[in-house]
Amino acid sequence: MGQTDIRLRIVGAMRVIRQVIRKGGSTNRWLAALVARTPRMVAAVALASKMARMIRAITTKQKNYRMA
């Protein structure tokens, strides 16, 4: 079973990775390179971890998300 919030993040990351593979690349160079060099599940966990860090930063700083 596991923790629901972590599982949902990984499922969402797998969806993003499926889209990257289907399109043959991504506008996000970090994600495209990650998918190219690592297995899908490893890339999904890395992407889910990155999303969790962004969510935590946004909620603790009480600021709007601004793409770099």
PDB file of N, CA and C in Angstrom:
ATOM      1  N   MET A   1       0.824  -1.185   0.000  1.00  0.00           N
ATOM      2  CA  MET A   1       0.000   0.000   0.000  1.00  0.00           C
ATOM      3  C   MET A   1       0.873   1.255   0.000  1.00  0.00           C
ATOM      4  N   GLY A   2       1.621   1.482   1.028  1.00  0.00           N
ATOM      5  CA  GLY A   2       2.496   2.643   1.077  1.00  0.00           C
ATOM      6  C   GLY A   2       1.762   3.934   1.385  1.00  0.00           C
ATOM      7  N   GLN A   3       2.507   5.012   1.374  1.00  0.00           N
ATOM      8  CA  GLN A   3       1.933   6.325   1.648  1.00  0.00           C
ATOM      9  C   GLN A   3       1.270   6.867   0.388  1.00  0.00           C
ATOM     10  N   THR A   4       0.056   7.328   0.548  1.00  0.00           N
ATOM     11  CA  THR A   4      -0.739   7.775  -0.584  1.00  0.00           C
ATOM     12  C   THR A   4      -0.118   8.975  -1.288  1.00  0.00           C
ATOM     13  N   ASP A   5       0.362   9.943  -0.539  1.00  0.00           N
ATOM     14  CA  ASP A   5       0.886  11.154  -1.167  1.00  0.00           C
ATOM     15  C   ASP A   5       2.128  10.869  -2.006  1.00  0.00           C
ATOM     16  N   ILE A   6       2.995  10.012  -1.521  1.00  0.00           N
ATOM     17  CA  ILE A   6       4.199   9.670  -2.282  1.00  0.00           C
ATOM     18  C   ILE A   6       3.823   8.871  -3.524  1.00  0.00           C
ATOM     19  N   ARG A   7       2.913   7.923  -3.355  1.00  0.00           N
ATOM     20  CA  ARG A   7       2.489   7.099  -4.481  1.00  0.00           C
ATOM     21  C   ARG A   7       1.852   7.957  -5.572  1.00  0.00           C
ATOM     22  N   LEU A   8       1.039   8.921  -5.184  1.00  0.00           N
ATOM     23  CA  LEU A   8       0.389   9.794  -6.171  1.00  0.00           C
ATOM     24  C   LEU A   8       1.396  10.655  -6.916  1.00  0.00           C
ATOM     25  N   ARG A   9       2.425  11.117  -6.225  1.00  0.00           N
ATOM     26  CA  ARG A   9       3.457  11.900  -6.901  1.00  0.00           C
ATOM     27  C   ARG A   9       4.198  11.054  -7.927  1.00  0.00           C
ATOM     28  N   ILE A  10       4.495   9.808  -7.566  1.00  0.00           N
ATOM     29  CA  ILE A  10       5.209   8.932  -8.490  1.00  0.00           C
ATOM     30  C   ILE A  10       4.323   8.580  -9.679  1.00  0.00           C
ATOM     31  N   VAL A  11       3.042   8.342  -9.446  1.00  0.00           N
ATOM     32  CA  VAL A  11       2.122   8.052 -10.549  1.00  0.00           C
ATOM     33  C   VAL A  11       2.037   9.256 -11.488  1.00  0.00           C
ATOM     34  N   GLY A  12       1.970  10.452 -10.939  1.00  0.00           N
ATOM     35  CA  GLY A  12       1.946  11.665 -11.761  1.00  0.00           C
ATOM     36  C   GLY A  12       3.234  11.839 -12.550  1.00  0.00           C
ATOM     37  N   ALA A  13       4.353  11.528 -11.921  1.00  0.00           N
ATOM     38  CA  ALA A  13       5.643  11.633 -12.607  1.00  0.00           C
ATOM     39  C   ALA A  13       5.737  10.612 -13.737  1.00  0.00           C
ATOM     40  N   MET A  14       5.199   9.417 -13.518  1.00  0.00           N
ATOM     41  CA  MET A  14       5.201   8.403 -14.582  1.00  0.00           C
ATOM     42  C   MET A  14       4.381   8.875 -15.774  1.00  0.00           C
ATOM     43  N   ARG A  15       3.292   9.573 -15.515  1.00  0.00           N
ATOM     44  CA  ARG A  15       2.459  10.107 -16.592  1.00  0.00           C
ATOM     45  C   ARG A  15       3.244  11.131 -17.416  1.00  0.00           C
ATOM     46  N   VAL A  16       3.980  11.995 -16.743  1.00  0.00           N
ATOM     47  CA  VAL A  16       4.792  12.996 -17.438  1.00  0.00           C
ATOM     48  C   VAL A  16       5.872  12.300 -18.270  1.00  0.00           C
ATOM     49  N   ILE A  17       6.495  11.273 -17.700  1.00  0.00           N
ATOM     50  CA  ILE A  17       7.558  10.561 -18.402  1.00  0.00           C
ATOM     51  C   ILE A  17       7.002   9.811 -19.608  1.00  0.00           C
ATOM     52  N   ARG A  18       5.805   9.236 -19.483  1.00  0.00           N
ATOM     53  CA  ARG A  18       5.186   8.583 -20.640  1.00  0.00           C
ATOM     54  C   ARG A  18       4.984   9.572 -21.776  1.00  0.00           C
ATOM     55  N   GLN A  19       4.567  10.784 -21.451  1.00  0.00           N
ATOM     56  CA  GLN A  19       4.383  11.819 -22.466  1.00  0.00           C
ATOM     57  C   GLN A  19       5.718  12.195 -23.115  1.00  0.00           C
ATOM     58  N   VAL A  20       6.772  12.283 -22.320  1.00  0.00           N
ATOM     59  CA  VAL A  20       8.095  12.615 -22.859  1.00  0.00           C
ATOM     60  C   VAL A  20       8.549  11.534 -23.821  1.00  0.00           C
ATOM     61  N   ILE A  21       8.355  10.274 -23.446  1.00  0.00           N
ATOM     62  CA  ILE A  21       8.766   9.171 -24.308  1.00  0.00           C
ATOM     63  C   ILE A  21       7.919   9.135 -25.574  1.00  0.00           C
ATOM     64  N   ARG A  22       6.623   9.365 -25.440  1.00  0.00           N
ATOM     65  CA  ARG A  22       5.727   9.334 -26.594  1.00  0.00           C
ATOM     66  C   ARG A  22       6.060  10.442 -27.587  1.00  0.00           C
ATOM     67  N   LYS A  23       6.379  11.640 -27.088  1.00  0.00           N
ATOM     68  CA  LYS A  23       6.702  12.760 -27.970  1.00  0.00           C
ATOM     69  C   LYS A  23       8.121  12.675 -28.521  1.00  0.00           C
ATOM     70  N   GLY A  24       8.969  11.903 -27.858  1.00  0.00           N
ATOM     71  CA  GLY A  24      10.350  11.781 -28.314  1.00  0.00           C
ATOM     72  C   GLY A  24      11.272  12.830 -27.734  1.00  0.00           C
ATOM     73  N   GLY A  25      10.849  13.515 -26.709  1.00  0.00           N
ATOM     74  CA  GLY A  25      11.677  14.526 -26.073  1.00  0.00           C
ATOM     75  C   GLY A  25      10.832  15.456 -25.236  1.00  0.00           C
ATOM     76  N   SER A  26      11.491  16.414 -24.617  1.00  0.00           N
ATOM     77  CA  SER A  26      10.802  17.356 -23.748  1.00  0.00           C
ATOM     78  C   SER A  26      11.446  18.724 -23.890  1.00  0.00           C
ATOM     79  N   THR A  27      10.676  19.757 -23.613  1.00  0.00           N
ATOM     80  CA  THR A  27      11.249  21.106 -23.608  1.00  0.00           C
ATOM     81  C   THR A  27      12.126  21.295 -22.375  1.00  0.00           C
ATOM     82  N   ASN A  28      11.904  20.478 -21.362  1.00  0.00           N
ATOM     83  CA  ASN A  28      12.721  20.512 -20.157  1.00  0.00           C
ATOM     84  C   ASN A  28      13.958  19.646 -20.406  1.00  0.00           C
ATOM     85  N   ARG A  29      15.111  20.270 -20.562  1.00  0.00           N
ATOM     86  CA  ARG A  29      16.327  19.527 -20.888  1.00  0.00           C
ATOM     87  C   ARG A  29      16.724  18.571 -19.773  1.00  0.00           C
ATOM     88  N   TRP A  30      16.518  18.978 -18.514  1.00  0.00           N
ATOM     89  CA  TRP A  30      16.862  18.105 -17.387  1.00  0.00           C
ATOM     90  C   TRP A  30      16.067  16.809 -17.443  1.00  0.00           C
ATOM     91  N   LEU A  31      14.777  16.912 -17.675  1.00  0.00           N
ATOM     92  CA  LEU A  31      13.923  15.734 -17.714  1.00  0.00           C
ATOM     93  C   LEU A  31      14.234  14.862 -18.922  1.00  0.00           C
ATOM     94  N   ALA A  32      14.456  15.452 -20.083  1.00  0.00           N
ATOM     95  CA  ALA A  32      14.765  14.679 -21.288  1.00  0.00           C
ATOM     96  C   ALA A  32      16.075  13.907 -21.108  1.00  0.00           C
ATOM     97  N   ALA A  33      17.078  14.545 -20.527  1.00  0.00           N
ATOM     98  CA  ALA A  33      18.358  13.874 -20.293  1.00  0.00           C
ATOM     99  C   ALA A  33      18.211  12.767 -19.254  1.00  0.00           C
ATOM    100  N   LEU A  34      17.425  13.015 -18.228  1.00  0.00           N
ATOM    101  CA  LEU A  34      17.210  12.019 -17.181  1.00  0.00           C
ATOM    102  C   LEU A  34      16.524  10.778 -17.734  1.00  0.00           C
ATOM    103  N   VAL A  35      15.504  10.974 -18.552  1.00  0.00           N
ATOM    104  CA  VAL A  35      14.775   9.847 -19.151  1.00  0.00           C
ATOM    105  C   VAL A  35      15.678   9.081 -20.105  1.00  0.00           C
ATOM    106  N   ALA A  36      16.565   9.778 -20.793  1.00  0.00           N
ATOM    107  CA  ALA A  36      17.443   9.122 -21.759  1.00  0.00           C
ATOM    108  C   ALA A  36      18.488   8.236 -21.079  1.00  0.00           C
ATOM    109  N   ARG A  37      18.941   8.613 -19.886  1.00  0.00           N
ATOM    110  CA  ARG A  37      20.053   7.878 -19.288  1.00  0.00           C
ATOM    111  C   ARG A  37      19.679   6.952 -18.137  1.00  0.00           C
ATOM    112  N   THR A  38      18.458   7.015 -17.632  1.00  0.00           N
ATOM    113  CA  THR A  38      18.081   6.168 -16.499  1.00  0.00           C
ATOM    114  C   THR A  38      16.808   5.382 -16.807  1.00  0.00           C
ATOM    115  N   PRO A  39      16.563   4.305 -16.061  1.00  0.00           N
ATOM    116  CA  PRO A  39      15.295   3.583 -16.235  1.00  0.00           C
ATOM    117  C   PRO A  39      14.098   4.474 -15.885  1.00  0.00           C
ATOM    118  N   ARG A  40      12.952   4.132 -16.439  1.00  0.00           N
ATOM    119  CA  ARG A  40      11.758   4.973 -16.260  1.00  0.00           C
ATOM    120  C   ARG A  40      11.383   5.182 -14.803  1.00  0.00           C
ATOM    121  N   MET A  41      11.406   4.123 -14.006  1.00  0.00           N
ATOM    122  CA  MET A  41      10.977   4.256 -12.609  1.00  0.00           C
ATOM    123  C   MET A  41      11.945   5.118 -11.809  1.00  0.00           C
ATOM    124  N   VAL A  42      13.225   5.004 -12.086  1.00  0.00           N
ATOM    125  CA  VAL A  42      14.215   5.845 -11.404  1.00  0.00           C
ATOM    126  C   VAL A  42      13.976   7.308 -11.762  1.00  0.00           C
ATOM    127  N   ALA A  43      13.720   7.563 -13.036  1.00  0.00           N
ATOM    128  CA  ALA A  43      13.430   8.927 -13.475  1.00  0.00           C
ATOM    129  C   ALA A  43      12.148   9.444 -12.833  1.00  0.00           C
ATOM    130  N   ALA A  44      11.141   8.565 -12.686  1.00  0.00           N
ATOM    131  CA  ALA A  44       9.874   8.977 -12.071  1.00  0.00           C
ATOM    132  C   ALA A  44      10.072   9.352 -10.608  1.00  0.00           C
ATOM    133  N   VAL A  45      10.864   8.586  -9.890  1.00  0.00           N
ATOM    134  CA  VAL A  45      11.113   8.891  -8.476  1.00  0.00           C
ATOM    135  C   VAL A  45      11.901  10.193  -8.355  1.00  0.00           C
ATOM    136  N   ALA A  46      12.866  10.409  -9.248  1.00  0.00           N
ATOM    137  CA  ALA A  46      13.629  11.658  -9.220  1.00  0.00           C
ATOM    138  C   ALA A  46      12.731  12.855  -9.519  1.00  0.00           C
ATOM    139  N   LEU A  47      11.850  12.710 -10.499  1.00  0.00           N
ATOM    140  CA  LEU A  47      10.929  13.796 -10.838  1.00  0.00           C
ATOM    141  C   LEU A  47       9.943  14.046  -9.700  1.00  0.00           C
ATOM    142  N   ALA A  48       9.443  12.978  -9.077  1.00  0.00           N
ATOM    143  CA  ALA A  48       8.522  13.127  -7.952  1.00  0.00           C
ATOM    144  C   ALA A  48       9.207  13.826  -6.784  1.00  0.00           C
ATOM    145  N   SER A  49      10.466  13.491  -6.561  1.00  0.00           N
ATOM    146  CA  SER A  49      11.226  14.142  -5.491  1.00  0.00           C
ATOM    147  C   SER A  49      11.413  15.632  -5.783  1.00  0.00           C
ATOM    148  N   LYS A  50      11.702  15.954  -7.039  1.00  0.00           N
ATOM    149  CA  LYS A  50      11.868  17.357  -7.417  1.00  0.00           C
ATOM    150  C   LYS A  50      10.559  18.122  -7.246  1.00  0.00           C
ATOM    151  N   MET A  51       9.444  17.485  -7.646  1.00  0.00           N
ATOM    152  CA  MET A  51       8.146  18.129  -7.464  1.00  0.00           C
ATOM    153  C   MET A  51       7.847  18.355  -5.985  1.00  0.00           C
ATOM    154  N   ALA A  52       8.192  17.384  -5.138  1.00  0.00           N
ATOM    155  CA  ALA A  52       7.948  17.519  -3.702  1.00  0.00           C
ATOM    156  C   ALA A  52       8.762  18.666  -3.112  1.00  0.00           C
ATOM    157  N   ARG A  53      10.011  18.801  -3.559  1.00  0.00           N
ATOM    158  CA  ARG A  53      10.832  19.913  -3.064  1.00  0.00           C
ATOM    159  C   ARG A  53      10.263  21.260  -3.487  1.00  0.00           C
ATOM    160  N   MET A  54       9.752  21.344  -4.742  1.00  0.00           N
ATOM    161  CA  MET A  54       9.147  22.593  -5.200  1.00  0.00           C
ATOM    162  C   MET A  54       7.880  22.911  -4.407  1.00  0.00           C
ATOM    163  N   ILE A  55       7.059  21.900  -4.178  1.00  0.00           N
ATOM    164  CA  ILE A  55       5.820  22.110  -3.412  1.00  0.00           C
ATOM    165  C   ILE A  55       6.137  22.579  -2.005  1.00  0.00           C
ATOM    166  N   ARG A  56       7.135  21.955  -1.375  1.00  0.00           N
ATOM    167  CA  ARG A  56       7.507  22.342  -0.015  1.00  0.00           C
ATOM    168  C   ARG A  56       8.033  23.782   0.019  1.00  0.00           C
ATOM    169  N   ALA A  57       8.847  24.143  -0.960  1.00  0.00           N
ATOM    170  CA  ALA A  57       9.393  25.504  -1.006  1.00  0.00           C
ATOM    171  C   ALA A  57       8.290  26.534  -1.192  1.00  0.00           C
ATOM    172  N   ILE A  58       7.332  26.226  -2.040  1.00  0.00           N
ATOM    173  CA  ILE A  58       6.237  27.158  -2.294  1.00  0.00           C
ATOM    174  C   ILE A  58       5.375  27.326  -1.055  1.00  0.00           C
ATOM    175  N   THR A  59       5.067  26.219  -0.385  1.00  0.00           N
ATOM    176  CA  THR A  59       4.172  26.303   0.774  1.00  0.00           C
ATOM    177  C   THR A  59       4.850  26.923   1.988  1.00  0.00           C
ATOM    178  N   THR A  60       6.146  26.694   2.176  1.00  0.00           N
ATOM    179  CA  THR A  60       6.803  27.266   3.351  1.00  0.00           C
ATOM    180  C   THR A  60       7.110  28.746   3.180  1.00  0.00           C
ATOM    181  N   LYS A  61       7.385  29.181   1.947  1.00  0.00           N
ATOM    182  CA  LYS A  61       7.703  30.589   1.725  1.00  0.00           C
ATOM    183  C   LYS A  61       6.471  31.441   1.478  1.00  0.00           C
ATOM    184  N   GLN A  62       5.308  30.796   1.288  1.00  0.00           N
ATOM    185  CA  GLN A  62       4.050  31.513   1.059  1.00  0.00           C
ATOM    186  C   GLN A  62       4.146  32.466  -0.131  1.00  0.00           C
ATOM    187  N   LYS A  63       4.808  32.013  -1.201  1.00  0.00           N
ATOM    188  CA  LYS A  63       4.944  32.825  -2.403  1.00  0.00           C
ATOM    189  C   LYS A  63       4.411  32.055  -3.591  1.00  0.00           C
ATOM    190  N   ASN A  64       4.106  32.762  -4.654  1.00  0.00           N
ATOM    191  CA  ASN A  64       3.653  32.140  -5.885  1.00  0.00           C
ATOM    192  C   ASN A  64       4.835  31.499  -6.607  1.00  0.00           C
ATOM    193  N   TYR A  65       4.552  30.455  -7.372  1.00  0.00           N
ATOM    194  CA  TYR A  65       5.588  29.774  -8.130  1.00  0.00           C
ATOM    195  C   TYR A  65       5.991  30.638  -9.312  1.00  0.00           C
ATOM    196  N   ARG A  66       7.282  30.775  -9.503  1.00  0.00           N
ATOM    197  CA  ARG A  66       7.817  31.557 -10.606  1.00  0.00           C
ATOM    198  C   ARG A  66       8.872  30.726 -11.306  1.00  0.00           C
ATOM    199  N   MET A  67       8.639  30.404 -12.578  1.00  0.00           N
ATOM    200  CA  MET A  67       9.601  29.577 -13.308  1.00  0.00           C
ATOM    201  C   MET A  67      10.904  30.340 -13.487  1.00  0.00           C
ATOM    202  N   ALA A  68      11.997  29.621 -13.344  1.00  0.00           N
ATOM    203  CA  ALA A  68      13.317  30.241 -13.476  1.00  0.00           C
ATOM    204  C   ALA A  68      13.760  30.341 -14.904  1.00  0.00           C
TER     205      ALA A  68
END
